[in-house]
Amino acid sequence: MKLKLNTDIAALIVAFTALTMAGIDGYEQRRHNRKSVMPVLVSDRVRNNFDDERSVEYNIHNSGMGPAAVKEFHVFFNKRVEEPFSIPGYSTAYNRHISAARHVIETLNDNGDGQWRLDVADQGLSSNTYIPANKSLTLLRFDTNVPQKEFRDVLSILERTLDIFICYCSIYDDQCQWTHIGQHPELITKQCSTEKNMSI
């Protein structure tokens, strides 16, 4: 009887130890999985300057191992939040930036023969956007045929006025952080969080 009791106790100890080890192993595996899917958004400005064609684009690239879940997206013009502009069939988060750049081209055309153009492609982000690992996204692009001086004027406007902030998290809704394009990182001081709150 005593031997059976000792065997039962030993079996319980072995079972408890196995469950404890499985729990610890599972916890370590989950922790490893969370780290291994950490997204990292990196911003980039690409400028091309050819003889008759010039362009500038603002990109973000997810260089991390997992998708980036966008929680907040804010565009600033001259340190003030840019309100989205929308008409049927078109909306943009960069309306004042586009208008300021177009003004340079229109002034040049008014003073000359009207041959200069500005093509714009832009993309905003919403709180349900996911950016896969190793993927890039162009947020704003200008293509133009204006002379070098006027192109520098357009670049100067963008450099002075454009700030883009993106709050993103991992797919586990943790490891949240901001990425920023522009010269004024102080414009947003609050923590990036998992709350889907698009207000500043």
Protein backbone atom coordinates (compact mmCIF):
# COMPACT_ATOMS: atom_id res chain seq x y z
CA MET A 1 0.00 0.00 0.00
CA LYS A 2 2.82 2.34 0.92
CA LEU A 3 4.62 1.54 -2.37
CA LYS A 4 1.47 2.35 -4.39
CA LEU A 5 1.09 5.66 -2.53
CA ASN A 6 4.72 6.56 -3.26
CA THR A 7 4.21 5.62 -6.92
CA ASP A 8 1.08 7.79 -7.12
CA ILE A 9 2.88 10.74 -5.54
CA ALA A 10 5.83 10.28 -7.91
CA ALA A 11 3.44 10.16 -10.88
CA LEU A 12 1.75 13.38 -9.70
CA ILE A 13 5.13 15.11 -9.30
CA VAL A 14 6.21 14.00 -12.79
CA ALA A 15 2.88 15.15 -14.29
CA PHE A 16 3.05 18.50 -12.49
CA THR A 17 6.67 19.00 -13.61
CA ALA A 18 5.74 18.14 -17.22
CA LEU A 19 2.82 20.60 -17.17
CA THR A 20 5.01 23.32 -15.67
CA MET A 21 7.73 22.77 -18.28
CA ALA A 22 5.14 22.78 -21.09
CA GLY A 23 3.70 26.05 -19.76
CA ILE A 24 7.14 27.66 -19.57
CA ASP A 25 8.01 26.38 -23.05
CA GLY A 26 4.71 27.70 -24.43
CA TYR A 27 5.31 31.09 -22.82
CA GLU A 28 8.83 31.27 -24.28
CA GLN A 29 7.50 30.24 -27.70
CA ARG A 30 4.81 32.95 -27.62
CA ARG A 31 7.39 35.52 -26.54
CA HIS A 32 9.68 34.45 -29.39
CA ASN A 33 6.78 34.61 -31.87
CA ARG A 34 5.93 38.16 -30.78
CA LYS A 35 9.52 39.28 -31.27
CA SER A 36 9.87 37.48 -34.59
CA VAL A 37 6.89 39.32 -36.13
CA MET A 38 7.99 42.79 -35.03
CA PRO A 39 7.35 45.32 -37.83
CA VAL A 40 9.76 48.20 -38.47
CA LEU A 41 8.54 51.06 -40.66
CA VAL A 42 11.33 53.12 -42.22
CA SER A 43 10.65 56.36 -44.09
CA ASP A 44 12.48 57.44 -47.21
CA ARG A 45 12.52 60.35 -49.63
CA VAL A 46 13.53 59.51 -53.20
CA ARG A 47 14.43 62.30 -55.59
CA ASN A 48 15.04 61.79 -59.32
CA ASN A 49 16.49 64.52 -61.48
CA PHE A 50 16.73 63.80 -65.20
CA ASP A 51 17.21 66.20 -68.12
CA ASP A 52 13.53 66.71 -68.85
CA GLU A 53 11.74 64.94 -65.99
CA ARG A 54 12.00 65.33 -62.23
CA SER A 55 10.24 63.58 -59.37
CA VAL A 56 10.16 63.30 -55.62
CA GLU A 57 8.39 60.65 -53.58
CA TYR A 58 7.88 59.94 -49.90
CA ASN A 59 7.84 56.24 -49.05
CA ILE A 60 7.59 53.95 -46.08
CA HIS A 61 9.09 50.47 -46.07
CA ASN A 62 8.38 47.68 -43.60
CA SER A 63 11.83 46.21 -42.99
CA GLY A 64 10.61 44.09 -40.06
CA MET A 65 9.64 40.43 -39.94
CA GLY A 66 5.87 40.86 -39.61
CA PRO A 67 3.06 43.07 -40.89
CA ALA A 68 2.60 46.57 -39.50
CA ALA A 69 -0.93 47.31 -38.31
CA VAL A 70 -1.58 51.03 -38.77
CA LYS A 71 -3.43 52.57 -35.81
CA GLU A 72 -3.14 56.30 -36.58
CA PHE A 73 -2.18 58.42 -39.60
CA HIS A 74 -1.72 62.20 -39.45
CA VAL A 75 -0.52 64.72 -42.04
CA PHE A 76 0.59 68.21 -41.02
CA PHE A 77 0.94 71.33 -43.19
CA ASN A 78 3.05 74.11 -41.63
CA LYS A 79 2.80 72.38 -38.22
CA ARG A 80 -1.01 72.18 -38.36
CA VAL A 81 -3.09 69.07 -38.90
CA GLU A 82 -4.20 68.71 -42.50
CA GLU A 83 -7.89 67.91 -42.70
CA PRO A 84 -8.72 65.32 -45.38
CA PHE A 85 -10.14 66.84 -48.56
CA SER A 86 -12.81 64.87 -50.37
CA ILE A 87 -15.01 65.22 -53.44
CA PRO A 88 -16.95 62.40 -55.14
CA GLY A 89 -14.41 59.98 -56.56
CA TYR A 90 -11.35 61.56 -54.96
CA SER A 91 -9.96 62.25 -51.52
CA THR A 92 -6.54 63.25 -50.26
CA ALA A 93 -4.76 63.93 -47.00
CA TYR A 94 -2.27 66.25 -48.73
CA ASN A 95 -4.53 68.92 -50.24
CA ARG A 96 -2.61 72.01 -49.08
CA HIS A 97 0.75 70.50 -50.06
CA ILE A 98 -0.55 69.71 -53.53
CA SER A 99 -2.08 73.18 -53.87
CA ALA A 100 1.17 74.88 -52.81
CA ALA A 101 3.20 72.85 -55.32
CA ARG A 102 0.64 73.47 -58.09
CA HIS A 103 0.81 77.20 -57.37
CA VAL A 104 4.52 77.17 -58.31
CA ILE A 105 3.69 75.47 -61.63
CA GLU A 106 0.70 77.73 -62.37
CA THR A 107 2.80 80.85 -61.71
CA LEU A 108 5.46 79.55 -64.08
CA ASN A 109 2.84 78.79 -66.75
CA ASP A 110 1.22 82.22 -66.34
CA ASN A 111 4.61 83.85 -66.94
CA GLY A 112 5.56 81.65 -69.90
CA ASP A 113 4.06 79.48 -72.57
CA GLY A 114 2.11 77.12 -70.33
CA GLN A 115 4.10 73.97 -71.08
CA TRP A 116 4.87 72.95 -67.49
CA ARG A 117 2.97 70.22 -65.69
CA LEU A 118 2.76 68.57 -62.29
CA ASP A 119 1.42 65.03 -61.83
CA VAL A 120 0.53 63.91 -58.32
CA ALA A 121 -0.06 60.46 -56.84
CA ASP A 122 -0.92 60.13 -53.18
CA GLN A 123 -2.17 57.59 -50.69
CA GLY A 124 -3.50 58.03 -47.20
CA LEU A 125 -3.70 55.31 -44.58
CA SER A 126 -6.58 54.30 -42.36
CA SER A 127 -6.64 52.58 -38.99
CA ASN A 128 -7.33 49.20 -40.60
CA THR A 129 -4.37 49.25 -43.02
CA TYR A 130 -1.77 46.48 -42.84
CA ILE A 131 1.66 46.88 -44.44
CA PRO A 132 3.23 43.45 -45.09
CA ALA A 133 6.85 42.70 -44.20
CA ASN A 134 9.38 43.72 -46.87
CA LYS A 135 6.84 45.88 -48.69
CA SER A 136 7.06 49.56 -49.58
CA LEU A 137 4.27 52.06 -49.92
CA THR A 138 4.46 55.42 -51.69
CA LEU A 139 2.53 58.00 -49.69
CA LEU A 140 3.11 61.03 -51.92
CA ARG A 141 4.75 61.47 -55.35
CA PHE A 142 5.21 64.50 -57.60
CA ASP A 143 6.34 64.19 -61.24
CA THR A 144 7.09 67.34 -63.21
CA ASN A 145 8.95 68.71 -66.20
CA VAL A 146 9.68 72.15 -64.69
CA PRO A 147 13.20 73.59 -64.79
CA GLN A 148 15.66 72.86 -62.00
CA LYS A 149 15.06 76.10 -60.10
CA GLU A 150 11.28 75.68 -59.90
CA PHE A 151 11.72 72.03 -58.95
CA ARG A 152 13.88 73.18 -56.04
CA ASP A 153 11.06 75.57 -55.09
CA VAL A 154 8.59 72.66 -54.99
CA LEU A 155 11.04 70.60 -52.90
CA SER A 156 11.56 73.52 -50.54
CA ILE A 157 7.81 73.86 -49.98
CA LEU A 158 7.52 70.15 -49.18
CA GLU A 159 10.56 70.16 -46.90
CA ARG A 160 9.26 73.12 -44.90
CA THR A 161 5.61 72.16 -44.65
CA LEU A 162 5.21 68.35 -44.82
CA ASP A 163 5.13 66.14 -41.73
CA ILE A 164 3.58 62.66 -41.76
CA PHE A 165 3.10 60.56 -38.62
CA ILE A 166 2.13 56.88 -38.61
CA CYS A 167 1.39 54.96 -35.42
CA TYR A 168 1.72 51.21 -36.01
CA CYS A 169 1.78 48.01 -33.96
CA SER A 170 2.55 44.35 -34.48
CA ILE A 171 -0.27 41.95 -35.32
CA TYR A 172 -0.43 41.15 -31.60
CA ASP A 173 -1.37 44.81 -30.94
CA ASP A 174 1.81 45.42 -29.00
CA GLN A 175 5.24 46.93 -29.66
CA CYS A 176 3.54 50.10 -30.92
CA GLN A 177 5.59 53.04 -32.14
CA TRP A 178 5.52 56.13 -34.35
CA THR A 179 7.32 56.59 -37.63
CA HIS A 180 7.74 60.12 -38.94
CA ILE A 181 8.49 61.82 -42.25
CA GLY A 182 9.44 65.49 -42.04
CA GLN A 183 11.37 67.97 -39.94
CA HIS A 184 9.14 68.42 -36.89
CA PRO A 185 8.99 65.24 -34.77
CA GLU A 186 7.82 67.31 -31.79
CA LEU A 187 4.35 67.84 -33.32
CA ILE A 188 3.02 64.63 -31.77
CA THR A 189 3.90 63.98 -28.14
CA LYS A 190 1.36 61.32 -27.15
CA GLN A 191 2.16 57.63 -26.99
CA CYS A 192 1.38 55.41 -29.94
CA SER A 193 -1.19 52.92 -28.65
CA THR A 194 -3.46 50.10 -29.75
CA GLU A 195 -6.54 52.30 -29.45
CA LYS A 196 -8.01 53.10 -32.86
CA ASN A 197 -8.22 56.78 -32.07
CA MET A 198 -7.41 59.00 -35.04
CA SER A 199 -7.55 62.24 -33.02
CA ILE A 200 -4.37 63.91 -31.82
